[in-house]
Amino acid sequence: MPSPEATPVDELAVRAEERLDSLVSLIVANGLEEASLGDAYLGRRGADVLAHLHGWHLLFAGWCDDDKRGETPELPAAGYTWSDLRSLNDKIYDQFRAEPWTRILEDTRASHLALIELLRTYPVEALTEPTRYAWTHGPLIDLADECTGTHYDWAIERVEESLG
């Protein structure tokens, strides 16, 4: 029996999972879980990198929830604009700053999986149609990639930069 073709969500999930695993391995292999990344990442810890990603997973889920309720999501978040992302990211860091690595890792993996499962609730056409959700300014699957795989690549770059 032939295997079904991979969906855009399957493809995103495989790539994103690989990148998240690579990020976690890089942090752990270099003992950066609770250590500062120095100037490469505003003196924040490896755990803060994951907290940042977790926070953006939650933002994505919130945008989708708003849309499902018939509301237009406020991107990047209520009270913030794309030009003041630093203050939004600072808010995310502050929210999770006291959490230890093990908790942040668990929460980030859970929110990553929840984001992938959320995407699976949408028909493929809804995910890939560029004008379906005007608030995304493109296909929803692309915005999901920005909050997962592409964001994980950014995080890997930060950690690698801290290693010199």
Protein backbone atom coordinates (compact mmCIF):
# COMPACT_ATOMS: atom_id res chain seq x y z
CA MET A 1 0.00 0.00 0.00
CA PRO A 2 1.52 3.38 -0.96
CA SER A 3 2.21 5.79 1.85
CA PRO A 4 0.23 9.03 1.86
CA GLU A 5 2.00 12.15 0.68
CA ALA A 6 3.45 14.40 3.32
CA THR A 7 1.38 17.47 4.06
CA PRO A 8 2.88 20.95 4.55
CA VAL A 9 2.40 20.44 8.30
CA ASP A 10 4.30 17.14 8.16
CA GLU A 11 7.15 18.84 6.34
CA LEU A 12 7.23 21.75 8.76
CA ALA A 13 7.04 19.41 11.76
CA VAL A 14 9.98 17.26 10.62
CA ARG A 15 12.22 20.25 9.90
CA ALA A 16 11.22 22.14 13.04
CA GLU A 17 11.66 19.11 15.31
CA GLU A 18 15.14 18.52 13.89
CA ARG A 19 16.10 22.16 14.42
CA LEU A 20 14.71 22.22 17.98
CA ASP A 21 16.60 19.02 18.81
CA SER A 22 19.78 20.54 17.35
CA LEU A 23 19.32 23.67 19.44
CA VAL A 24 18.76 21.75 22.67
CA SER A 25 21.75 19.48 21.95
CA LEU A 26 23.97 22.50 21.26
CA ILE A 27 22.96 24.19 24.51
CA VAL A 28 23.41 21.02 26.58
CA ALA A 29 26.68 19.97 24.93
CA ASN A 30 28.19 23.32 25.84
CA GLY A 31 26.78 23.57 29.37
CA LEU A 32 24.76 26.68 28.55
CA GLU A 33 21.47 25.65 30.13
CA GLU A 34 21.80 28.16 32.98
CA ALA A 35 24.87 29.99 31.67
CA SER A 36 24.96 33.38 30.01
CA LEU A 37 25.37 33.59 26.25
CA GLY A 38 27.16 36.89 26.75
CA ASP A 39 26.94 39.58 24.11
CA ALA A 40 25.59 37.11 21.57
CA TYR A 41 22.26 37.18 23.36
CA LEU A 42 22.00 40.10 25.75
CA GLY A 43 23.65 38.15 28.55
CA ARG A 44 20.71 35.77 28.71
CA ARG A 45 20.90 32.06 29.54
CA GLY A 46 20.39 29.05 27.32
CA ALA A 47 17.10 28.56 29.18
CA ASP A 48 16.09 32.08 28.15
CA VAL A 49 16.55 31.15 24.50
CA LEU A 50 13.99 28.38 24.92
CA ALA A 51 11.70 30.61 26.97
CA HIS A 52 11.73 33.09 24.09
CA LEU A 53 10.70 30.36 21.65
CA HIS A 54 8.03 29.08 24.04
CA GLY A 55 6.61 32.58 24.34
CA TRP A 56 6.32 32.88 20.57
CA HIS A 57 4.61 29.48 20.35
CA LEU A 58 2.04 30.83 22.78
CA LEU A 59 1.64 34.03 20.77
CA PHE A 60 0.98 32.00 17.61
CA ALA A 61 -1.66 29.90 19.38
CA GLY A 62 -3.28 33.09 20.67
CA TRP A 63 -3.43 34.57 17.18
CA CYS A 64 -5.17 31.44 15.93
CA ASP A 65 -7.59 31.48 18.87
CA ASP A 66 -8.45 35.12 18.17
CA ASP A 67 -9.07 34.31 14.52
CA LYS A 68 -11.30 31.34 15.36
CA ARG A 69 -13.40 33.65 17.57
CA GLY A 70 -13.82 35.99 14.61
CA GLU A 71 -11.44 38.59 16.01
CA THR A 72 -8.50 40.04 14.12
CA PRO A 73 -5.32 39.06 15.97
CA GLU A 74 -3.05 41.86 17.10
CA LEU A 75 0.42 41.06 15.83
CA PRO A 76 2.85 40.75 17.33
CA ALA A 77 0.82 41.18 20.55
CA ALA A 78 -1.70 43.56 22.07
CA GLY A 79 0.06 46.80 22.91
CA TYR A 80 3.17 46.03 20.80
CA THR A 81 4.27 46.72 17.25
CA TRP A 82 6.91 45.10 15.08
CA SER A 83 9.10 48.14 15.69
CA ASP A 84 9.21 47.56 19.47
CA LEU A 85 9.81 43.81 19.54
CA ARG A 86 12.58 44.27 22.09
CA SER A 87 10.05 45.28 24.76
CA LEU A 88 7.76 42.35 23.88
CA ASN A 89 10.69 39.95 24.04
CA ASP A 90 11.76 41.47 27.35
CA LYS A 91 8.24 40.80 28.66
CA ILE A 92 8.54 37.17 27.58
CA TYR A 93 11.92 36.83 29.30
CA ASP A 94 10.59 38.40 32.49
CA GLN A 95 7.64 36.01 32.49
CA PHE A 96 9.90 32.94 32.47
CA ARG A 97 13.11 34.28 34.04
CA ALA A 98 12.70 32.35 37.30
CA GLU A 99 12.07 29.02 35.58
CA PRO A 100 14.91 26.50 35.58
CA TRP A 101 16.18 24.85 32.41
CA THR A 102 14.31 21.58 32.95
CA ARG A 103 10.97 23.34 33.25
CA ILE A 104 11.61 25.64 30.29
CA LEU A 105 12.70 22.69 28.16
CA GLU A 106 9.56 20.77 29.07
CA ASP A 107 7.31 23.78 28.39
CA THR A 108 9.00 24.59 25.09
CA ARG A 109 8.73 21.03 23.80
CA ALA A 110 5.06 20.93 24.86
CA SER A 111 4.20 24.26 23.22
CA HIS A 112 6.08 23.22 20.08
CA LEU A 113 4.02 20.02 19.85
CA ALA A 114 0.81 21.93 20.61
CA LEU A 115 1.57 24.36 17.78
CA ILE A 116 2.08 21.47 15.34
CA GLU A 117 -1.16 19.82 16.50
CA LEU A 118 -2.98 23.14 16.16
CA LEU A 119 -1.82 23.36 12.55
CA ARG A 120 -3.19 19.86 11.91
CA THR A 121 -6.69 21.16 12.73
CA TYR A 122 -6.63 23.33 9.61
CA PRO A 123 -7.32 22.08 6.08
CA VAL A 124 -4.21 22.19 3.88
CA GLU A 125 -5.85 24.81 1.67
CA ALA A 126 -6.38 27.10 4.66
CA LEU A 127 -2.72 26.78 5.64
CA THR A 128 -1.28 27.44 2.21
CA GLU A 129 -3.63 30.04 0.69
CA PRO A 130 -1.75 33.38 0.84
CA THR A 131 -4.85 35.53 1.28
CA ARG A 132 -6.95 33.28 3.53
CA TYR A 133 -5.95 35.08 6.73
CA ALA A 134 -5.22 38.73 5.98
CA TRP A 135 -3.58 39.21 9.37
CA THR A 136 -0.79 36.76 8.44
CA HIS A 137 0.32 38.73 5.36
CA GLY A 138 0.87 35.38 3.62
CA PRO A 139 0.13 31.70 4.15
CA LEU A 140 -0.52 30.66 7.74
CA ILE A 141 1.99 27.82 7.33
CA ASP A 142 4.71 30.41 6.63
CA LEU A 143 3.91 32.28 9.82
CA ALA A 144 3.99 28.96 11.70
CA ASP A 145 7.45 28.30 10.25
CA GLU A 146 8.58 31.72 11.45
CA CYS A 147 7.51 30.71 14.97
CA THR A 148 9.16 27.27 14.78
CA GLY A 149 11.90 26.13 12.38
CA THR A 150 13.07 29.53 11.21
CA HIS A 151 13.01 30.82 14.79
CA TYR A 152 14.97 27.78 15.93
CA ASP A 153 17.60 28.56 13.27
CA TRP A 154 17.88 32.08 14.70
CA ALA A 155 18.35 30.62 18.18
CA ILE A 156 21.05 28.22 16.97
CA GLU A 157 22.87 31.20 15.45
CA ARG A 158 22.74 33.03 18.81
CA VAL A 159 24.18 30.05 20.66
CA GLU A 160 26.86 29.44 18.04
CA GLU A 161 27.83 33.10 18.17
CA SER A 162 28.21 32.87 21.94
CA LEU A 163 30.61 29.98 21.46
CA GLY A 164 32.81 32.12 19.21
